[in-house]
Amino acid sequence: MGAFDDVLASNESYAAQFVDTGLPGQARKGLAVVTCMDSRIDPLRMLGLQPGEAKILRNAGGRVTDDVLRTLVLATHLLGVHRVLVVEHTDCKMASATDEDVHRTIYEASGIDTRSLVFQTMDDQMSTLAHDVQRVRSSPYLPEGTVVGGFLYDVRTGRLKEIA
C-alpha cells in the first residue's frame, strides 16, 4: 500500500460526486484569513463561510511571514480581498516553545540540525499577534483602506475574540 492510497481513494469518492460550481478565484466576501496550520482549526466553519468567500493562508503559528505578505499583496490587488483577519489560537505549540527548544527536539529525535531555519515561535503570543497585525497594516504594497484585525481563537470553545 502506498503512503497516499487512503487520501487518493477518498479523493476518488469526492471527485465522483464533484460538481463544478463555476466559482471564480475572487474572494466573494473580500476576506483573507491568516491562521495556524493546527488541524483543530476549520477556518471556513469557524467564520460561517462557504468555499469561494475567503482566501485562507495557513502556516505554523499563523505568522505574518514574507510569503504571507506576498500572498496578501496578490489577494488584495488581484483577488478581491479588502479585509484581513490574523488569527492566533489557544494551546498553540508555537507559543509554548522557543526556537531553541524546537531545534533541540528535532535534533534529539532525528539527528537533523535545523538551526539554519527560523521557526518564529512566540514568547508573548498577544504582542506577537499585535506585531503581525501591524506588519500587515504598515505594508506599503497593500491598498490604502485594507482593514486588518487580530483575533484569538479558543480551540476548546470555538469562540473568536478580537485582540488587535
N, C-alpha and C. Protein backbone atom coordinates (compact mmCIF):
# COMPACT_ATOMS: atom_id res chain seq x y z
N MET A 1 0.84 -1.19 0.00
CA MET A 1 0.00 0.00 0.00
C MET A 1 0.88 1.25 0.00
N GLY A 2 0.54 2.20 -0.87
CA GLY A 2 1.30 3.43 -0.96
C GLY A 2 0.96 4.39 0.18
N ALA A 3 1.85 5.32 0.43
CA ALA A 3 1.70 6.27 1.53
C ALA A 3 0.47 7.16 1.38
N PHE A 4 -0.02 7.34 0.16
CA PHE A 4 -1.14 8.25 -0.07
C PHE A 4 -2.40 7.55 -0.59
N ASP A 5 -2.40 6.24 -0.54
CA ASP A 5 -3.55 5.49 -1.06
C ASP A 5 -4.86 5.89 -0.40
N ASP A 6 -4.84 6.12 0.91
CA ASP A 6 -6.07 6.48 1.61
C ASP A 6 -6.64 7.81 1.12
N VAL A 7 -5.78 8.80 0.95
CA VAL A 7 -6.29 10.10 0.51
C VAL A 7 -6.67 10.07 -0.97
N LEU A 8 -5.96 9.28 -1.77
CA LEU A 8 -6.34 9.15 -3.17
C LEU A 8 -7.69 8.45 -3.31
N ALA A 9 -7.94 7.45 -2.48
CA ALA A 9 -9.23 6.76 -2.51
C ALA A 9 -10.34 7.73 -2.09
N SER A 10 -10.09 8.50 -1.07
CA SER A 10 -11.08 9.49 -0.63
C SER A 10 -11.32 10.52 -1.72
N ASN A 11 -10.26 10.91 -2.41
CA ASN A 11 -10.42 11.88 -3.48
C ASN A 11 -11.24 11.30 -4.62
N GLU A 12 -11.09 10.02 -4.91
CA GLU A 12 -11.90 9.39 -5.95
C GLU A 12 -13.38 9.47 -5.60
N SER A 13 -13.72 9.23 -4.34
CA SER A 13 -15.11 9.34 -3.90
C SER A 13 -15.60 10.78 -4.02
N TYR A 14 -14.76 11.71 -3.63
CA TYR A 14 -15.09 13.13 -3.72
C TYR A 14 -15.32 13.53 -5.18
N ALA A 15 -14.38 13.15 -6.04
CA ALA A 15 -14.45 13.53 -7.45
C ALA A 15 -15.67 12.91 -8.14
N ALA A 16 -16.07 11.72 -7.71
CA ALA A 16 -17.23 11.06 -8.32
C ALA A 16 -18.51 11.84 -8.08
N GLN A 17 -18.56 12.62 -7.00
CA GLN A 17 -19.76 13.40 -6.68
C GLN A 17 -19.55 14.90 -6.90
N PHE A 18 -18.35 15.27 -7.37
CA PHE A 18 -18.00 16.68 -7.53
C PHE A 18 -18.81 17.35 -8.63
N VAL A 19 -19.29 18.53 -8.32
CA VAL A 19 -19.99 19.34 -9.32
C VAL A 19 -19.27 20.68 -9.38
N ASP A 20 -18.81 21.04 -10.57
CA ASP A 20 -18.14 22.33 -10.75
C ASP A 20 -19.17 23.44 -10.59
N THR A 21 -19.00 24.24 -9.56
CA THR A 21 -19.96 25.32 -9.29
C THR A 21 -19.61 26.58 -10.07
N GLY A 22 -18.47 26.56 -10.73
CA GLY A 22 -18.08 27.73 -11.51
C GLY A 22 -17.60 28.89 -10.66
N LEU A 23 -17.24 28.62 -9.40
CA LEU A 23 -16.76 29.69 -8.53
C LEU A 23 -15.55 30.37 -9.16
N PRO A 24 -15.53 31.71 -9.14
CA PRO A 24 -14.35 32.42 -9.62
C PRO A 24 -13.25 32.39 -8.56
N GLY A 25 -12.07 32.84 -8.90
CA GLY A 25 -10.95 32.89 -7.95
C GLY A 25 -11.05 34.03 -6.97
N GLN A 26 -12.01 34.91 -7.15
CA GLN A 26 -12.19 36.06 -6.25
C GLN A 26 -12.71 35.60 -4.89
N ALA A 27 -12.38 36.37 -3.84
CA ALA A 27 -12.91 36.11 -2.50
C ALA A 27 -14.22 36.89 -2.39
N ARG A 28 -15.36 36.20 -2.53
CA ARG A 28 -16.67 36.88 -2.58
C ARG A 28 -16.95 37.78 -1.39
N LYS A 29 -16.42 37.44 -0.23
CA LYS A 29 -16.64 38.28 0.97
C LYS A 29 -15.50 39.26 1.18
N GLY A 30 -14.56 39.31 0.24
CA GLY A 30 -13.45 40.26 0.34
C GLY A 30 -12.53 40.00 1.51
N LEU A 31 -12.44 38.75 1.94
CA LEU A 31 -11.76 38.41 3.18
C LEU A 31 -10.58 37.47 2.94
N ALA A 32 -9.50 37.74 3.67
CA ALA A 32 -8.37 36.81 3.75
C ALA A 32 -8.18 36.47 5.22
N VAL A 33 -7.88 35.22 5.51
CA VAL A 33 -7.67 34.76 6.87
C VAL A 33 -6.27 34.15 6.95
N VAL A 34 -5.46 34.71 7.85
CA VAL A 34 -4.13 34.17 8.13
C VAL A 34 -4.26 33.44 9.45
N THR A 35 -4.02 32.13 9.45
CA THR A 35 -4.16 31.37 10.68
C THR A 35 -3.16 30.22 10.72
N CYS A 36 -3.17 29.52 11.83
CA CYS A 36 -2.24 28.42 12.06
C CYS A 36 -2.64 27.17 11.29
N MET A 37 -1.67 26.31 11.08
CA MET A 37 -1.93 25.04 10.40
C MET A 37 -2.55 24.01 11.33
N ASP A 38 -2.74 24.35 12.60
CA ASP A 38 -3.30 23.42 13.59
C ASP A 38 -4.57 22.77 13.04
N SER A 39 -4.61 21.46 13.08
CA SER A 39 -5.73 20.72 12.48
C SER A 39 -7.03 20.85 13.27
N ARG A 40 -6.99 21.48 14.44
CA ARG A 40 -8.22 21.72 15.19
C ARG A 40 -8.97 22.94 14.67
N ILE A 41 -8.36 23.68 13.78
CA ILE A 41 -8.98 24.91 13.24
C ILE A 41 -9.57 24.62 11.87
N ASP A 42 -10.85 24.91 11.72
CA ASP A 42 -11.55 24.79 10.44
C ASP A 42 -11.96 26.22 10.07
N PRO A 43 -11.10 26.94 9.35
CA PRO A 43 -11.32 28.38 9.13
C PRO A 43 -12.68 28.74 8.53
N LEU A 44 -13.14 28.01 7.55
CA LEU A 44 -14.42 28.35 6.93
C LEU A 44 -15.57 28.18 7.93
N ARG A 45 -15.63 27.04 8.58
CA ARG A 45 -16.71 26.80 9.55
C ARG A 45 -16.61 27.75 10.73
N MET A 46 -15.39 28.04 11.19
CA MET A 46 -15.18 28.93 12.32
C MET A 46 -15.81 30.30 12.07
N LEU A 47 -15.82 30.73 10.82
CA LEU A 47 -16.30 32.07 10.47
C LEU A 47 -17.65 32.04 9.74
N GLY A 48 -18.25 30.86 9.62
CA GLY A 48 -19.54 30.76 8.95
C GLY A 48 -19.44 31.04 7.46
N LEU A 49 -18.34 30.65 6.85
CA LEU A 49 -18.09 30.92 5.44
C LEU A 49 -18.27 29.67 4.58
N GLN A 50 -18.42 29.91 3.30
CA GLN A 50 -18.53 28.85 2.31
C GLN A 50 -17.33 28.92 1.36
N PRO A 51 -17.02 27.84 0.66
CA PRO A 51 -15.95 27.89 -0.33
C PRO A 51 -16.18 29.06 -1.31
N GLY A 52 -15.11 29.75 -1.63
CA GLY A 52 -15.19 30.87 -2.56
C GLY A 52 -15.37 32.22 -1.90
N GLU A 53 -15.61 32.23 -0.59
CA GLU A 53 -15.87 33.50 0.09
C GLU A 53 -14.62 34.15 0.68
N ALA A 54 -13.55 33.38 0.91
CA ALA A 54 -12.35 33.93 1.55
C ALA A 54 -11.11 33.20 1.06
N LYS A 55 -9.99 33.87 1.18
CA LYS A 55 -8.69 33.27 0.92
C LYS A 55 -8.13 32.85 2.27
N ILE A 56 -7.66 31.61 2.38
CA ILE A 56 -7.16 31.07 3.63
C ILE A 56 -5.65 30.83 3.49
N LEU A 57 -4.88 31.45 4.39
CA LEU A 57 -3.43 31.30 4.40
C LEU A 57 -3.04 30.68 5.73
N ARG A 58 -2.34 29.55 5.68
CA ARG A 58 -2.01 28.84 6.91
C ARG A 58 -0.52 28.53 6.99
N ASN A 59 0.01 28.65 8.20
CA ASN A 59 1.38 28.23 8.48
C ASN A 59 1.51 27.97 9.98
N ALA A 60 2.66 27.51 10.41
CA ALA A 60 2.88 27.23 11.83
C ALA A 60 2.78 28.53 12.62
N GLY A 61 1.81 28.59 13.51
CA GLY A 61 1.62 29.76 14.36
C GLY A 61 0.77 30.86 13.76
N GLY A 62 0.37 30.73 12.50
CA GLY A 62 -0.42 31.78 11.86
C GLY A 62 0.36 33.08 11.76
N ARG A 63 1.65 32.98 11.50
CA ARG A 63 2.53 34.14 11.50
C ARG A 63 2.49 34.89 10.16
N VAL A 64 2.66 36.20 10.23
CA VAL A 64 2.73 37.03 9.03
C VAL A 64 4.19 37.04 8.57
N THR A 65 4.49 36.12 7.69
CA THR A 65 5.84 35.97 7.14
C THR A 65 5.94 36.78 5.84
N ASP A 66 7.13 36.84 5.28
CA ASP A 66 7.28 37.50 3.98
C ASP A 66 6.40 36.84 2.93
N ASP A 67 6.28 35.52 2.97
CA ASP A 67 5.44 34.84 1.99
C ASP A 67 3.96 35.16 2.19
N VAL A 68 3.52 35.28 3.44
CA VAL A 68 2.14 35.68 3.70
C VAL A 68 1.90 37.08 3.16
N LEU A 69 2.83 38.01 3.38
CA LEU A 69 2.67 39.37 2.85
C LEU A 69 2.61 39.34 1.32
N ARG A 70 3.47 38.56 0.69
CA ARG A 70 3.45 38.43 -0.77
C ARG A 70 2.08 37.96 -1.24
N THR A 71 1.54 36.97 -0.55
CA THR A 71 0.25 36.42 -0.92
C THR A 71 -0.87 37.43 -0.69
N LEU A 72 -0.79 38.20 0.40
CA LEU A 72 -1.80 39.23 0.66
C LEU A 72 -1.76 40.34 -0.39
N VAL A 73 -0.58 40.66 -0.88
CA VAL A 73 -0.48 41.65 -1.95
C VAL A 73 -1.23 41.15 -3.18
N LEU A 74 -1.01 39.91 -3.55
CA LEU A 74 -1.73 39.34 -4.69
C LEU A 74 -3.23 39.28 -4.43
N ALA A 75 -3.61 38.86 -3.22
CA ALA A 75 -5.03 38.74 -2.89
C ALA A 75 -5.75 40.08 -2.91
N THR A 76 -5.09 41.13 -2.42
CA THR A 76 -5.74 42.44 -2.38
C THR A 76 -5.79 43.12 -3.74
N HIS A 77 -4.78 42.91 -4.54
CA HIS A 77 -4.74 43.58 -5.85
C HIS A 77 -5.44 42.79 -6.95
N LEU A 78 -5.48 41.47 -6.82
CA LEU A 78 -5.99 40.65 -7.93
C LEU A 78 -7.21 39.80 -7.60
N LEU A 79 -7.49 39.58 -6.31
CA LEU A 79 -8.50 38.58 -5.97
C LEU A 79 -9.62 39.10 -5.07
N GLY A 80 -9.78 40.40 -5.00
CA GLY A 80 -10.94 40.98 -4.33
C GLY A 80 -10.87 41.09 -2.82
N VAL A 81 -9.72 40.86 -2.21
CA VAL A 81 -9.60 40.94 -0.76
C VAL A 81 -9.45 42.40 -0.33
N HIS A 82 -10.22 42.81 0.68
CA HIS A 82 -10.06 44.15 1.26
C HIS A 82 -10.11 44.11 2.78
N ARG A 83 -10.26 42.89 3.35
CA ARG A 83 -10.23 42.69 4.81
C ARG A 83 -9.32 41.50 5.12
N VAL A 84 -8.52 41.64 6.19
CA VAL A 84 -7.59 40.59 6.58
C VAL A 84 -7.76 40.28 8.06
N LEU A 85 -8.02 39.03 8.38
CA LEU A 85 -8.05 38.56 9.76
C LEU A 85 -6.76 37.79 10.01
N VAL A 86 -6.03 38.19 11.05
CA VAL A 86 -4.88 37.43 11.51
C VAL A 86 -5.35 36.71 12.77
N VAL A 87 -5.36 35.37 12.73
CA VAL A 87 -5.97 34.59 13.80
C VAL A 87 -4.94 33.66 14.45
N GLU A 88 -4.60 33.97 15.69
CA GLU A 88 -3.80 33.06 16.53
C GLU A 88 -4.79 32.16 17.26
N HIS A 89 -4.29 31.20 18.03
CA HIS A 89 -5.21 30.32 18.78
C HIS A 89 -4.61 29.90 20.11
N THR A 90 -5.50 29.50 21.01
CA THR A 90 -5.07 29.00 22.30
C THR A 90 -4.39 27.65 22.11
N ASP A 91 -3.59 27.26 23.10
CA ASP A 91 -2.94 25.95 23.11
C ASP A 91 -2.08 25.73 21.86
N CYS A 92 -1.39 26.79 21.43
CA CYS A 92 -0.54 26.72 20.23
C CYS A 92 0.87 26.30 20.62
N LYS A 93 1.38 25.28 19.98
CA LYS A 93 2.73 24.79 20.25
C LYS A 93 3.77 25.87 19.98
N MET A 94 3.51 26.73 19.02
CA MET A 94 4.46 27.80 18.68
C MET A 94 4.55 28.86 19.77
N ALA A 95 3.56 28.88 20.67
CA ALA A 95 3.56 29.84 21.77
C ALA A 95 4.01 29.21 23.08
N SER A 96 4.38 27.94 23.03
CA SER A 96 4.79 27.27 24.27
C SER A 96 6.21 26.72 24.19
N ALA A 97 6.94 27.10 23.17
CA ALA A 97 8.32 26.64 22.99
C ALA A 97 9.13 27.77 22.37
N THR A 98 10.43 27.67 22.48
CA THR A 98 11.31 28.62 21.81
C THR A 98 11.88 27.95 20.57
N ASP A 99 12.44 28.75 19.68
CA ASP A 99 13.10 28.17 18.51
C ASP A 99 14.17 27.18 18.97
N GLU A 100 14.91 27.55 20.02
CA GLU A 100 15.96 26.67 20.53
C GLU A 100 15.37 25.33 20.98
N ASP A 101 14.23 25.37 21.67
CA ASP A 101 13.57 24.13 22.09
C ASP A 101 13.21 23.26 20.88
N VAL A 102 12.67 23.89 19.85
CA VAL A 102 12.26 23.14 18.66
C VAL A 102 13.47 22.53 17.97
N HIS A 103 14.54 23.31 17.81
CA HIS A 103 15.77 22.78 17.19
C HIS A 103 16.27 21.57 17.97
N ARG A 104 16.32 21.70 19.30
CA ARG A 104 16.83 20.62 20.15
C ARG A 104 15.94 19.38 20.04
N THR A 105 14.63 19.56 20.07
CA THR A 105 13.70 18.42 19.98
C THR A 105 13.88 17.67 18.67
N ILE A 106 13.98 18.42 17.58
CA ILE A 106 14.16 17.78 16.27
C ILE A 106 15.50 17.07 16.20
N TYR A 107 16.55 17.71 16.72
CA TYR A 107 17.87 17.09 16.69
C TYR A 107 17.90 15.80 17.52
N GLU A 108 17.30 15.86 18.72
CA GLU A 108 17.30 14.68 19.59
C GLU A 108 16.48 13.54 18.99
N ALA A 109 15.43 13.87 18.27
CA ALA A 109 14.57 12.84 17.68
C ALA A 109 15.14 12.25 16.39
N SER A 110 15.84 13.10 15.61
CA SER A 110 16.23 12.64 14.27
C SER A 110 17.70 12.84 13.93
N GLY A 111 18.41 13.62 14.75
CA GLY A 111 19.80 13.92 14.43
C GLY A 111 19.97 14.97 13.36
N ILE A 112 18.88 15.60 12.95
CA ILE A 112 18.94 16.64 11.91
C ILE A 112 19.13 18.00 12.57
N ASP A 113 20.11 18.75 12.08
CA ASP A 113 20.40 20.09 12.59
C ASP A 113 19.57 21.11 11.80
N THR A 114 18.59 21.71 12.46
CA THR A 114 17.68 22.65 11.80
C THR A 114 18.00 24.10 12.14
N ARG A 115 19.16 24.36 12.72
CA ARG A 115 19.47 25.72 13.19
C ARG A 115 19.53 26.76 12.08
N SER A 116 19.55 26.36 10.83
CA SER A 116 19.52 27.35 9.73
C SER A 116 18.09 27.84 9.47
N LEU A 117 17.10 27.22 10.12
CA LEU A 117 15.70 27.62 9.98
C LEU A 117 15.28 28.50 11.15
N VAL A 118 14.40 29.45 10.87
CA VAL A 118 13.80 30.27 11.91
C VAL A 118 12.34 29.83 12.01
N PHE A 119 11.94 29.30 13.16
CA PHE A 119 10.59 28.76 13.31
C PHE A 119 9.58 29.82 13.75
N GLN A 120 10.05 30.96 14.17
CA GLN A 120 9.18 32.07 14.59
C GLN A 120 8.23 31.68 15.71
N THR A 121 8.79 31.03 16.74
CA THR A 121 7.99 30.75 17.93
C THR A 121 7.67 32.07 18.62
N MET A 122 6.75 32.03 19.58
CA MET A 122 6.28 33.26 20.22
C MET A 122 6.45 33.17 21.73
N ASP A 123 7.22 34.10 22.32
CA ASP A 123 7.34 34.09 23.77
C ASP A 123 6.21 34.90 24.42
N ASP A 124 5.57 35.78 23.66
CA ASP A 124 4.40 36.54 24.13
C ASP A 124 3.41 36.58 22.97
N GLN A 125 2.47 35.66 23.00
CA GLN A 125 1.56 35.48 21.86
C GLN A 125 0.77 36.74 21.53
N MET A 126 0.30 37.48 22.53
CA MET A 126 -0.51 38.67 22.26
C MET A 126 0.32 39.79 21.64
N SER A 127 1.54 39.98 22.12
CA SER A 127 2.36 41.03 21.50
C SER A 127 2.81 40.60 20.11
N THR A 128 3.02 39.31 19.90
CA THR A 128 3.36 38.81 18.57
C THR A 128 2.19 39.02 17.62
N LEU A 129 0.98 38.76 18.08
CA LEU A 129 -0.20 38.99 17.26
C LEU A 129 -0.31 40.46 16.90
N ALA A 130 -0.13 41.35 17.87
CA ALA A 130 -0.19 42.79 17.60
C ALA A 130 0.89 43.19 16.59
N HIS A 131 2.08 42.62 16.73
CA HIS A 131 3.18 42.91 15.78
C HIS A 131 2.82 42.44 14.38
N ASP A 132 2.27 41.23 14.26
CA ASP A 132 1.92 40.70 12.95
C ASP A 132 0.80 41.51 12.29
N VAL A 133 -0.18 41.95 13.08
CA VAL A 133 -1.25 42.80 12.55
C VAL A 133 -0.65 44.11 12.05
N GLN A 134 0.23 44.70 12.83
CA GLN A 134 0.86 45.96 12.42
C GLN A 134 1.71 45.77 11.17
N ARG A 135 2.33 44.63 11.05
CA ARG A 135 3.14 44.34 9.86
C ARG A 135 2.27 44.38 8.60
N VAL A 136 1.06 43.83 8.68
CA VAL A 136 0.15 43.87 7.53
C VAL A 136 -0.32 45.31 7.31
N ARG A 137 -0.75 45.97 8.37
CA ARG A 137 -1.27 47.33 8.25
C ARG A 137 -0.26 48.30 7.66
N SER A 138 1.01 48.10 7.97
CA SER A 138 2.03 49.06 7.52
C SER A 138 2.69 48.67 6.20
N SER A 139 2.25 47.60 5.59
CA SER A 139 2.85 47.19 4.32
C SER A 139 2.58 48.25 3.25
N PRO A 140 3.62 48.73 2.60
CA PRO A 140 3.44 49.73 1.56
C PRO A 140 2.84 49.16 0.27
N TYR A 141 2.72 47.84 0.21
CA TYR A 141 2.24 47.19 -1.01
C TYR A 141 0.75 46.88 -1.00
N LEU A 142 0.12 47.04 0.15
CA LEU A 142 -1.32 46.77 0.24
C LEU A 142 -2.09 48.04 -0.05
N PRO A 143 -3.26 47.91 -0.66
CA PRO A 143 -4.05 49.10 -0.98
C PRO A 143 -4.44 49.87 0.28
N GLU A 144 -4.46 51.18 0.16
CA GLU A 144 -4.94 52.01 1.26
C GLU A 144 -6.37 51.61 1.58
N GLY A 145 -6.71 51.56 2.84
CA GLY A 145 -8.06 51.20 3.23
C GLY A 145 -8.24 49.72 3.51
N THR A 146 -7.21 48.89 3.31
CA THR A 146 -7.31 47.48 3.67
C THR A 146 -7.51 47.39 5.18
N VAL A 147 -8.55 46.73 5.60
CA VAL A 147 -8.88 46.61 7.02
C VAL A 147 -8.23 45.34 7.57
N VAL A 148 -7.52 45.48 8.70
CA VAL A 148 -6.79 44.35 9.28
C VAL A 148 -7.15 44.23 10.75
N GLY A 149 -7.46 43.01 11.19
CA GLY A 149 -7.75 42.77 12.60
C GLY A 149 -7.03 41.55 13.11
N GLY A 150 -6.74 41.57 14.40
CA GLY A 150 -6.10 40.44 15.06
C GLY A 150 -7.06 39.76 16.01
N PHE A 151 -7.08 38.43 15.99
CA PHE A 151 -8.05 37.67 16.75
C PHE A 151 -7.40 36.46 17.41
N LEU A 152 -8.01 36.02 18.51
CA LEU A 152 -7.58 34.80 19.18
C LEU A 152 -8.74 33.81 19.13
N TYR A 153 -8.47 32.63 18.61
CA TYR A 153 -9.46 31.56 18.53
C TYR A 153 -9.22 30.59 19.68
N ASP A 154 -10.26 30.29 20.42
CA ASP A 154 -10.16 29.34 21.52
C ASP A 154 -10.51 27.95 21.00
N VAL A 155 -9.52 27.06 20.99
CA VAL A 155 -9.73 25.72 20.42
C VAL A 155 -10.64 24.85 21.29
N ARG A 156 -10.91 25.27 22.51
CA ARG A 156 -11.78 24.50 23.41
C ARG A 156 -13.23 24.94 23.34
N THR A 157 -13.47 26.22 22.99
CA THR A 157 -14.85 26.72 22.96
C THR A 157 -15.34 27.06 21.55
N GLY A 158 -14.40 27.23 20.61
CA GLY A 158 -14.77 27.62 19.25
C GLY A 158 -15.00 29.13 19.10
N ARG A 159 -14.78 29.88 20.17
CA ARG A 159 -15.03 31.34 20.14
C ARG A 159 -13.82 32.10 19.61
N LEU A 160 -14.13 33.15 18.89
CA LEU A 160 -13.14 34.06 18.34
C LEU A 160 -13.25 35.38 19.08
N LYS A 161 -12.13 35.93 19.52
CA LYS A 161 -12.11 37.18 20.27
C LYS A 161 -11.18 38.17 19.59
N GLU A 162 -11.67 39.39 19.33
CA GLU A 162 -10.83 40.41 18.72
C GLU A 162 -9.82 40.91 19.73
N ILE A 163 -8.55 40.95 19.32
CA ILE A 163 -7.45 41.32 20.20
C ILE A 163 -6.78 42.62 19.73
N ALA A 164 -6.47 42.69 18.45
CA ALA A 164 -5.71 43.84 17.94
C ALA A 164 -6.41 44.42 16.73
